Protein backbone atom coordinates (compact mmCIF):
# COMPACT_ATOMS: atom_id res chain seq x y z
CA UNK A 1 -18.15 -20.58 42.10
CA UNK A 2 -20.48 -22.09 39.49
CA UNK A 3 -22.98 -23.23 42.11
CA UNK A 4 -22.90 -19.88 43.88
CA UNK A 5 -23.18 -17.93 40.61
CA UNK A 6 -26.28 -19.94 39.72
CA UNK A 7 -27.78 -19.35 43.16
CA UNK A 8 -27.00 -15.63 42.91
CA UNK A 9 -28.65 -15.46 39.48
CA UNK A 10 -31.80 -17.18 40.76
CA UNK A 11 -32.04 -14.86 43.76
CA UNK A 12 -31.53 -11.76 41.60
CA UNK A 13 -34.30 -12.90 39.25
CA UNK A 14 -36.74 -12.65 42.17
CA UNK A 15 -36.17 -8.89 42.43
CA UNK A 16 -38.57 -7.21 40.03
CA UNK A 17 -36.44 -4.07 39.67
CA UNK A 18 -33.32 -5.93 38.49
CA UNK A 19 -32.85 -7.89 35.28
CA UNK A 20 -29.93 -10.31 35.62
CA UNK A 21 -28.43 -11.73 32.44
CA UNK A 22 -27.32 -15.39 32.28
CA UNK A 23 -23.57 -15.77 32.65
CA UNK A 24 -20.83 -18.32 32.23
CA UNK A 25 -18.33 -16.02 33.97
CA UNK A 26 -17.70 -15.42 37.67
CA UNK A 27 -20.15 -12.51 37.73
CA UNK A 28 -23.73 -11.56 36.88
CA UNK A 29 -24.52 -8.44 34.87
CA UNK A 30 -27.78 -6.80 35.92
CA UNK A 31 -29.79 -4.04 34.35
CA UNK A 32 -31.32 -1.76 36.98
CA UNK A 33 -34.82 -1.34 35.60
CA UNK A 34 -35.65 1.81 37.52
CA UNK A 35 -32.63 3.51 35.94
CA UNK A 36 -30.73 4.25 39.16
CA UNK A 37 -27.66 2.02 38.92
CA UNK A 38 -25.33 4.75 40.17
CA UNK A 39 -27.49 5.31 43.26
CA UNK A 40 -27.77 1.57 43.86
CA UNK A 41 -24.00 1.15 43.70
CA UNK A 42 -23.55 3.95 46.24
CA UNK A 43 -26.17 2.53 48.62
CA UNK A 44 -24.54 -0.90 48.46
CA UNK A 45 -21.09 0.63 48.96
CA UNK A 46 -22.38 2.47 52.04
CA UNK A 47 -23.28 -0.98 53.44
CA UNK A 48 -19.83 -2.39 52.62
CA UNK A 49 -20.90 -4.24 49.46
CA UNK A 50 -18.92 -3.45 46.33
CA UNK A 51 -20.35 -3.89 42.85
CA UNK A 52 -19.17 -2.53 39.54
CA UNK A 53 -21.21 0.22 37.94
CA UNK A 54 -21.22 1.09 34.24
CA UNK A 55 -22.03 4.42 32.61
CA UNK A 56 -21.26 3.53 29.00
CA UNK A 57 -23.95 3.75 26.29
CA UNK A 58 -24.41 -0.01 25.86
CA UNK A 59 -24.19 -0.74 29.60
CA UNK A 60 -25.91 2.33 31.01
CA UNK A 61 -27.68 1.59 34.28
CA UNK A 62 -26.04 -1.80 34.69
CA UNK A 63 -24.12 -3.23 37.59
CA UNK A 64 -21.84 -6.25 37.70
CA UNK A 65 -22.00 -8.49 40.74
CA UNK A 66 -19.21 -11.00 41.30
CA UNK A 67 -20.04 -14.47 42.57
CA UNK A 68 -18.37 -15.19 45.89
CA UNK A 69 -18.94 -17.15 49.04
CA UNK A 70 -22.48 -18.13 50.10
CA UNK A 71 -22.38 -15.65 52.98
CA UNK A 72 -21.55 -12.86 50.53
CA UNK A 73 -24.57 -13.76 48.40
CA UNK A 74 -26.75 -13.86 51.51
CA UNK A 75 -25.60 -10.40 52.61
CA UNK A 76 -26.09 -8.94 49.14
CA UNK A 77 -29.59 -10.35 48.67
CA UNK A 78 -30.62 -9.27 52.17
CA UNK A 79 -29.42 -5.73 51.48
CA UNK A 80 -31.08 -5.59 48.05
CA UNK A 81 -34.37 -6.69 49.58
CA UNK A 82 -34.05 -3.96 52.22
CA UNK A 83 -33.35 -1.35 49.53
CA UNK A 84 -36.36 -2.56 47.56
CA UNK A 85 -38.75 -1.42 50.30
């Protein structure tokens, strides 16, 4: 999990519209810089990828992505890159 979390973090950093925060947990918290976290969560859910969305004042426009298997990270990053276009 630690190795995959670190890989996930490094891949998320490459996306200019997400700001991942370093983590020691089994997930990465990301701020959606374009302010559309709710829409992003729905688009990912439509593709079968579940992330947690927050709509609280301190976490507004943030999503939480759990670290999983390498193939899960690959699918997530591929989908995020497609949504970026």
